[in-house]
């Protein structure tokens, strides 16, 4: 899934999600169930192996902050 802006998934996010593909650091990724193998905001990537296992399978939001991707529980 590719988007110039934010990505909203009202279910499970699987596979790859790349938001802000034209460098939009204000873009984000929002989902009800995080199961993605690759996440990216504005060209900054995080692989499944690098995601905290406590966030997997739960609602989450992904933003670019402090020069890195930040993944937080949603809700």
PDB file of N, CA and C in Angstrom:
ATOM      1  N   UNK A   1       0.845  -1.156   0.000  1.00  0.00           N
ATOM      2  CA  UNK A   1       0.000   0.000   0.000  1.00  0.00           C
ATOM      3  C   UNK A   1       0.901   1.232   0.000  1.00  0.00           C
ATOM      4  N   UNK A   2       0.670   2.132  -0.938  1.00  0.00           N
ATOM      5  CA  UNK A   2       1.441   3.367  -1.059  1.00  0.00           C
ATOM      6  C   UNK A   2       0.514   4.565  -0.954  1.00  0.00           C
ATOM      7  N   UNK A   3       0.958   5.620  -0.280  1.00  0.00           N
ATOM      8  CA  UNK A   3       0.152   6.835  -0.180  1.00  0.00           C
ATOM      9  C   UNK A   3       1.054   8.052  -0.049  1.00  0.00           C
ATOM     10  N   UNK A   4       0.662   9.138  -0.697  1.00  0.00           N
ATOM     11  CA  UNK A   4       1.385  10.395  -0.553  1.00  0.00           C
ATOM     12  C   UNK A   4       1.124  11.000   0.826  1.00  0.00           C
ATOM     13  N   UNK A   5      -0.036  10.691   1.396  1.00  0.00           N
ATOM     14  CA  UNK A   5      -0.408  11.166   2.726  1.00  0.00           C
ATOM     15  C   UNK A   5      -0.460  10.016   3.707  1.00  0.00           C
ATOM     16  N   UNK A   6      -1.451  10.066   4.579  1.00  0.00           N
ATOM     17  CA  UNK A   6      -1.600   9.039   5.624  1.00  0.00           C
ATOM     18  C   UNK A   6      -2.340   7.813   5.116  1.00  0.00           C
ATOM     19  N   UNK A   7      -2.175   6.708   5.832  1.00  0.00           N
ATOM     20  CA  UNK A   7      -2.864   5.452   5.542  1.00  0.00           C
ATOM     21  C   UNK A   7      -3.721   5.097   6.745  1.00  0.00           C
ATOM     22  N   UNK A   8      -4.990   4.796   6.501  1.00  0.00           N
ATOM     23  CA  UNK A   8      -5.923   4.369   7.552  1.00  0.00           C
ATOM     24  C   UNK A   8      -6.457   2.994   7.163  1.00  0.00           C
ATOM     25  N   UNK A   9      -6.296   2.015   8.047  1.00  0.00           N
ATOM     26  CA  UNK A   9      -6.776   0.659   7.787  1.00  0.00           C
ATOM     27  C   UNK A   9      -7.733   0.285   8.910  1.00  0.00           C
ATOM     28  N   UNK A  10      -8.982   0.049   8.545  1.00  0.00           N
ATOM     29  CA  UNK A  10     -10.014  -0.273   9.538  1.00  0.00           C
ATOM     30  C   UNK A  10     -10.140  -1.784   9.684  1.00  0.00           C
ATOM     31  N   UNK A  11      -9.015  -2.417   9.886  1.00  0.00           N
ATOM     32  CA  UNK A  11      -8.915  -3.858  10.030  1.00  0.00           C
ATOM     33  C   UNK A  11      -7.447  -4.192  10.238  1.00  0.00           C
ATOM     34  N   UNK A  12      -7.052  -5.385   9.803  1.00  0.00           N
ATOM     35  CA  UNK A  12      -5.659  -5.821   9.959  1.00  0.00           C
ATOM     36  C   UNK A  12      -4.782  -5.232   8.851  1.00  0.00           C
ATOM     37  N   UNK A  13      -3.656  -4.692   9.237  1.00  0.00           N
ATOM     38  CA  UNK A  13      -2.669  -4.179   8.288  1.00  0.00           C
ATOM     39  C   UNK A  13      -1.608  -5.253   8.100  1.00  0.00           C
ATOM     40  N   UNK A  14      -1.607  -5.832   6.907  1.00  0.00           N
ATOM     41  CA  UNK A  14      -0.634  -6.886   6.577  1.00  0.00           C
ATOM     42  C   UNK A  14       0.191  -6.440   5.382  1.00  0.00           C
ATOM     43  N   UNK A  15       1.338  -7.050   5.208  1.00  0.00           N
ATOM     44  CA  UNK A  15       2.181  -6.718   4.065  1.00  0.00           C
ATOM     45  C   UNK A  15       3.001  -5.471   4.312  1.00  0.00           C
ATOM     46  N   UNK A  16       2.983  -4.578   3.318  1.00  0.00           N
ATOM     47  CA  UNK A  16       3.808  -3.371   3.381  1.00  0.00           C
ATOM     48  C   UNK A  16       2.931  -2.133   3.320  1.00  0.00           C
ATOM     49  N   UNK A  17       3.264  -1.131   4.126  1.00  0.00           N
ATOM     50  CA  UNK A  17       2.539   0.136   4.122  1.00  0.00           C
ATOM     51  C   UNK A  17       3.557   1.270   4.090  1.00  0.00           C
ATOM     52  N   UNK A  18       3.508   2.067   3.029  1.00  0.00           N
ATOM     53  CA  UNK A  18       4.429   3.186   2.867  1.00  0.00           C
ATOM     54  C   UNK A  18       3.620   4.472   2.753  1.00  0.00           C
ATOM     55  N   UNK A  19       3.676   5.312   3.774  1.00  0.00           N
ATOM     56  CA  UNK A  19       2.953   6.584   3.806  1.00  0.00           C
ATOM     57  C   UNK A  19       3.939   7.733   3.566  1.00  0.00           C
ATOM     58  N   UNK A  20       3.428   8.850   3.064  1.00  0.00           N
ATOM     59  CA  UNK A  20       4.278  10.018   2.829  1.00  0.00           C
ATOM     60  C   UNK A  20       5.384   9.744   1.837  1.00  0.00           C
ATOM     61  N   UNK A  21       5.056   9.047   0.746  1.00  0.00           N
ATOM     62  CA  UNK A  21       6.106   8.600  -0.186  1.00  0.00           C
ATOM     63  C   UNK A  21       6.824   9.738  -0.900  1.00  0.00           C
ATOM     64  N   UNK A  22       6.251  10.946  -0.878  1.00  0.00           N
ATOM     65  CA  UNK A  22       6.922  12.093  -1.500  1.00  0.00           C
ATOM     66  C   UNK A  22       7.639  12.945  -0.458  1.00  0.00           C
ATOM     67  N   UNK A  23       7.904  12.354   0.720  1.00  0.00           N
ATOM     68  CA  UNK A  23       8.648  13.051   1.761  1.00  0.00           C
ATOM     69  C   UNK A  23       7.795  13.754   2.800  1.00  0.00           C
ATOM     70  N   UNK A  24       6.503  13.481   2.820  1.00  0.00           N
ATOM     71  CA  UNK A  24       5.596  14.112   3.782  1.00  0.00           C
ATOM     72  C   UNK A  24       5.817  13.522   5.175  1.00  0.00           C
ATOM     73  N   UNK A  25       6.558  14.227   6.015  1.00  0.00           N
ATOM     74  CA  UNK A  25       6.856  13.735   7.365  1.00  0.00           C
ATOM     75  C   UNK A  25       5.667  13.868   8.310  1.00  0.00           C
ATOM     76  N   UNK A  26       4.603  14.560   7.886  1.00  0.00           N
ATOM     77  CA  UNK A  26       3.396  14.694   8.700  1.00  0.00           C
ATOM     78  C   UNK A  26       2.431  13.526   8.495  1.00  0.00           C
ATOM     79  N   UNK A  27       2.711  12.674   7.521  1.00  0.00           N
ATOM     80  CA  UNK A  27       1.860  11.510   7.244  1.00  0.00           C
ATOM     81  C   UNK A  27       1.983  10.497   8.377  1.00  0.00           C
ATOM     82  N   UNK A  28       1.002   9.622   8.465  1.00  0.00           N
ATOM     83  CA  UNK A  28       1.030   8.576   9.482  1.00  0.00           C
ATOM     84  C   UNK A  28       0.325   7.331   8.990  1.00  0.00           C
ATOM     85  N   UNK A  29       0.447   6.273   9.755  1.00  0.00           N
ATOM     86  CA  UNK A  29      -0.223   5.006   9.462  1.00  0.00           C
ATOM     87  C   UNK A  29      -1.043   4.651  10.691  1.00  0.00           C
ATOM     88  N   UNK A  30      -2.306   4.332  10.469  1.00  0.00           N
ATOM     89  CA  UNK A  30      -3.228   3.996  11.554  1.00  0.00           C
ATOM     90  C   UNK A  30      -3.907   2.684  11.206  1.00  0.00           C
ATOM     91  N   UNK A  31      -3.969   1.766  12.167  1.00  0.00           N
ATOM     92  CA  UNK A  31      -4.634   0.491  11.893  1.00  0.00           C
ATOM     93  C   UNK A  31      -5.242  -0.080  13.164  1.00  0.00           C
ATOM     94  N   UNK A  32      -6.180  -0.975  12.986  1.00  0.00           N
ATOM     95  CA  UNK A  32      -6.827  -1.624  14.134  1.00  0.00           C
ATOM     96  C   UNK A  32      -6.109  -2.894  14.562  1.00  0.00           C
ATOM     97  N   UNK A  33      -5.268  -3.434  13.670  1.00  0.00           N
ATOM     98  CA  UNK A  33      -4.519  -4.650  14.003  1.00  0.00           C
ATOM     99  C   UNK A  33      -3.205  -4.617  13.230  1.00  0.00           C
ATOM    100  N   UNK A  34      -2.108  -4.386  13.920  1.00  0.00           N
ATOM    101  CA  UNK A  34      -0.799  -4.261  13.284  1.00  0.00           C
ATOM    102  C   UNK A  34      -0.182  -5.633  13.045  1.00  0.00           C
ATOM    103  N   UNK A  35      -0.026  -5.975  11.771  1.00  0.00           N
ATOM    104  CA  UNK A  35       0.612  -7.235  11.376  1.00  0.00           C
ATOM    105  C   UNK A  35       1.518  -7.027  10.173  1.00  0.00           C
ATOM    106  N   UNK A  36       1.953  -5.802   9.944  1.00  0.00           N
ATOM    107  CA  UNK A  36       2.727  -5.459   8.747  1.00  0.00           C
ATOM    108  C   UNK A  36       4.144  -6.004   8.799  1.00  0.00           C
ATOM    109  N   UNK A  37       4.660  -6.382   7.635  1.00  0.00           N
ATOM    110  CA  UNK A  37       6.047  -6.845   7.549  1.00  0.00           C
ATOM    111  C   UNK A  37       7.007  -5.678   7.330  1.00  0.00           C
ATOM    112  N   UNK A  38       6.474  -4.538   6.819  1.00  0.00           N
ATOM    113  CA  UNK A  38       7.304  -3.367   6.571  1.00  0.00           C
ATOM    114  C   UNK A  38       6.449  -2.113   6.700  1.00  0.00           C
ATOM    115  N   UNK A  39       6.952  -1.119   7.443  1.00  0.00           N
ATOM    116  CA  UNK A  39       6.283   0.166   7.601  1.00  0.00           C
ATOM    117  C   UNK A  39       7.238   1.267   7.173  1.00  0.00           C
ATOM    118  N   UNK A  40       6.695   2.338   6.577  1.00  0.00           N
ATOM    119  CA  UNK A  40       7.531   3.454   6.182  1.00  0.00           C
ATOM    120  C   UNK A  40       6.721   4.743   6.223  1.00  0.00           C
ATOM    121  N   UNK A  41       7.337   5.794   6.730  1.00  0.00           N
ATOM    122  CA  UNK A  41       6.786   7.146   6.655  1.00  0.00           C
ATOM    123  C   UNK A  41       7.904   8.043   6.145  1.00  0.00           C
ATOM    124  N   UNK A  42       7.654   8.707   5.026  1.00  0.00           N
ATOM    125  CA  UNK A  42       8.619   9.640   4.427  1.00  0.00           C
ATOM    126  C   UNK A  42       9.988   8.999   4.200  1.00  0.00           C
ATOM    127  N   UNK A  43       9.994   7.743   3.783  1.00  0.00           N
ATOM    128  CA  UNK A  43      11.247   7.069   3.461  1.00  0.00           C
ATOM    129  C   UNK A  43      12.014   6.502   4.637  1.00  0.00           C
ATOM    130  N   UNK A  44      11.435   6.532   5.817  1.00  0.00           N
ATOM    131  CA  UNK A  44      12.058   5.953   7.009  1.00  0.00           C
ATOM    132  C   UNK A  44      11.355   4.637   7.314  1.00  0.00           C
ATOM    133  N   UNK A  45      12.095   3.562   7.341  1.00  0.00           N
ATOM    134  CA  UNK A  45      11.527   2.217   7.382  1.00  0.00           C
ATOM    135  C   UNK A  45      11.669   1.532   8.729  1.00  0.00           C
ATOM    136  N   UNK A  46      10.763   0.603   8.964  1.00  0.00           N
ATOM    137  CA  UNK A  46      10.859  -0.280  10.123  1.00  0.00           C
ATOM    138  C   UNK A  46      10.339  -1.651   9.663  1.00  0.00           C
ATOM    139  N   UNK A  47      11.137  -2.687   9.882  1.00  0.00           N
ATOM    140  CA  UNK A  47      10.759  -4.055   9.512  1.00  0.00           C
ATOM    141  C   UNK A  47      10.050  -4.738  10.666  1.00  0.00           C
ATOM    142  N   UNK A  48       9.367  -5.806  10.372  1.00  0.00           N
ATOM    143  CA  UNK A  48       8.640  -6.574  11.382  1.00  0.00           C
ATOM    144  C   UNK A  48       9.550  -6.945  12.543  1.00  0.00           C
ATOM    145  N   UNK A  49      10.781  -7.335  12.254  1.00  0.00           N
ATOM    146  CA  UNK A  49      11.727  -7.746  13.299  1.00  0.00           C
ATOM    147  C   UNK A  49      12.064  -6.612  14.272  1.00  0.00           C
ATOM    148  N   UNK A  50      11.870  -5.355  13.810  1.00  0.00           N
ATOM    149  CA  UNK A  50      12.221  -4.191  14.622  1.00  0.00           C
ATOM    150  C   UNK A  50      11.039  -3.601  15.394  1.00  0.00           C
ATOM    151  N   UNK A  51       9.859  -4.190  15.224  1.00  0.00           N
ATOM    152  CA  UNK A  51       8.654  -3.703  15.890  1.00  0.00           C
ATOM    153  C   UNK A  51       8.478  -4.443  17.208  1.00  0.00           C
ATOM    154  N   UNK A  52       8.188  -3.707  18.264  1.00  0.00           N
ATOM    155  CA  UNK A  52       7.947  -4.288  19.584  1.00  0.00           C
ATOM    156  C   UNK A  52       6.827  -5.327  19.476  1.00  0.00           C
ATOM    157  N   UNK A  53       7.084  -6.540  19.901  1.00  0.00           N
ATOM    158  CA  UNK A  53       6.107  -7.629  19.765  1.00  0.00           C
ATOM    159  C   UNK A  53       4.815  -7.365  20.539  1.00  0.00           C
ATOM    160  N   UNK A  54       4.858  -6.505  21.543  1.00  0.00           N
ATOM    161  CA  UNK A  54       3.650  -6.174  22.302  1.00  0.00           C
ATOM    162  C   UNK A  54       2.677  -5.322  21.494  1.00  0.00           C
ATOM    163  N   UNK A  55       3.153  -4.698  20.405  1.00  0.00           N
ATOM    164  CA  UNK A  55       2.300  -3.885  19.548  1.00  0.00           C
ATOM    165  C   UNK A  55       1.621  -4.705  18.458  1.00  0.00           C
ATOM    166  N   UNK A  56       2.160  -5.870  18.164  1.00  0.00           N
ATOM    167  CA  UNK A  56       1.621  -6.694  17.075  1.00  0.00           C
ATOM    168  C   UNK A  56       0.242  -7.242  17.423  1.00  0.00           C
ATOM    169  N   UNK A  57      -0.647  -7.201  16.437  1.00  0.00           N
ATOM    170  CA  UNK A  57      -2.003  -7.697  16.619  1.00  0.00           C
ATOM    171  C   UNK A  57      -2.916  -6.727  17.350  1.00  0.00           C
ATOM    172  N   UNK A  58      -2.443  -5.512  17.588  1.00  0.00           N
ATOM    173  CA  UNK A  58      -3.213  -4.500  18.334  1.00  0.00           C
ATOM    174  C   UNK A  58      -3.377  -3.233  17.494  1.00  0.00           C
ATOM    175  N   UNK A  59      -4.308  -2.364  17.891  1.00  0.00           N
ATOM    176  CA  UNK A  59      -4.438  -1.063  17.213  1.00  0.00           C
ATOM    177  C   UNK A  59      -3.167  -0.239  17.423  1.00  0.00           C
ATOM    178  N   UNK A  60      -2.695   0.400  16.354  1.00  0.00           N
ATOM    179  CA  UNK A  60      -1.446   1.150  16.452  1.00  0.00           C
ATOM    180  C   UNK A  60      -1.442   2.346  15.517  1.00  0.00           C
ATOM    181  N   UNK A  61      -0.549   3.291  15.832  1.00  0.00           N
ATOM    182  CA  UNK A  61      -0.305   4.434  14.958  1.00  0.00           C
ATOM    183  C   UNK A  61       1.191   4.585  14.775  1.00  0.00           C
ATOM    184  N   UNK A  62       1.579   4.987  13.568  1.00  0.00           N
ATOM    185  CA  UNK A  62       2.989   5.127  13.213  1.00  0.00           C
ATOM    186  C   UNK A  62       3.213   6.553  12.720  1.00  0.00           C
ATOM    187  N   UNK A  63       4.213   7.237  13.280  1.00  0.00           N
ATOM    188  CA  UNK A  63       4.549   8.601  12.888  1.00  0.00           C
ATOM    189  C   UNK A  63       6.055   8.745  12.794  1.00  0.00           C
ATOM    190  N   UNK A  64       6.492   9.748  12.053  1.00  0.00           N
ATOM    191  CA  UNK A  64       7.900  10.100  11.999  1.00  0.00           C
ATOM    192  C   UNK A  64       8.135  11.179  13.048  1.00  0.00           C
ATOM    193  N   UNK A  65       8.969  10.895  14.025  1.00  0.00           N
ATOM    194  CA  UNK A  65       9.255  11.851  15.097  1.00  0.00           C
ATOM    195  C   UNK A  65      10.702  11.679  15.545  1.00  0.00           C
ATOM    196  N   UNK A  66      11.361  12.783  15.809  1.00  0.00           N
ATOM    197  CA  UNK A  66      12.737  12.749  16.316  1.00  0.00           C
ATOM    198  C   UNK A  66      13.656  11.923  15.411  1.00  0.00           C
ATOM    199  N   UNK A  67      13.507  12.134  14.113  1.00  0.00           N
ATOM    200  CA  UNK A  67      14.348  11.482  13.103  1.00  0.00           C
ATOM    201  C   UNK A  67      14.220   9.969  13.031  1.00  0.00           C
ATOM    202  N   UNK A  68      13.095   9.410  13.509  1.00  0.00           N
ATOM    203  CA  UNK A  68      12.867   7.966  13.414  1.00  0.00           C
ATOM    204  C   UNK A  68      11.376   7.668  13.431  1.00  0.00           C
ATOM    205  N   UNK A  69      11.013   6.444  13.097  1.00  0.00           N
ATOM    206  CA  UNK A  69       9.613   6.038  13.171  1.00  0.00           C
ATOM    207  C   UNK A  69       9.255   5.733  14.619  1.00  0.00           C
ATOM    208  N   UNK A  70       8.108   6.226  15.012  1.00  0.00           N
ATOM    209  CA  UNK A  70       7.589   5.980  16.353  1.00  0.00           C
ATOM    210  C   UNK A  70       6.279   5.214  16.213  1.00  0.00           C
ATOM    211  N   UNK A  71       6.177   4.076  16.867  1.00  0.00           N
ATOM    212  CA  UNK A  71       4.977   3.250  16.817  1.00  0.00           C
ATOM    213  C   UNK A  71       4.389   3.211  18.218  1.00  0.00           C
ATOM    214  N   UNK A  72       3.117   3.620  18.318  1.00  0.00           N
ATOM    215  CA  UNK A  72       2.453   3.678  19.607  1.00  0.00           C
ATOM    216  C   UNK A  72       1.112   2.941  19.538  1.00  0.00           C
ATOM    217  N   UNK A  73       0.641   2.447  20.679  1.00  0.00           N
ATOM    218  CA  UNK A  73      -0.703   1.859  20.707  1.00  0.00           C
ATOM    219  C   UNK A  73      -1.724   2.946  20.377  1.00  0.00           C
ATOM    220  N   UNK A  74      -2.760   2.566  19.677  1.00  0.00           N
ATOM    221  CA  UNK A  74      -3.824   3.507  19.306  1.00  0.00           C
ATOM    222  C   UNK A  74      -5.001   3.309  20.260  1.00  0.00           C
ATOM    223  N   UNK A  75      -5.507   4.406  20.738  1.00  0.00           N
ATOM    224  CA  UNK A  75      -6.687   4.292  21.574  1.00  0.00           C
ATOM    225  C   UNK A  75      -6.470   4.889  22.851  1.00  0.00           C
TER     226      UNK A  75
END
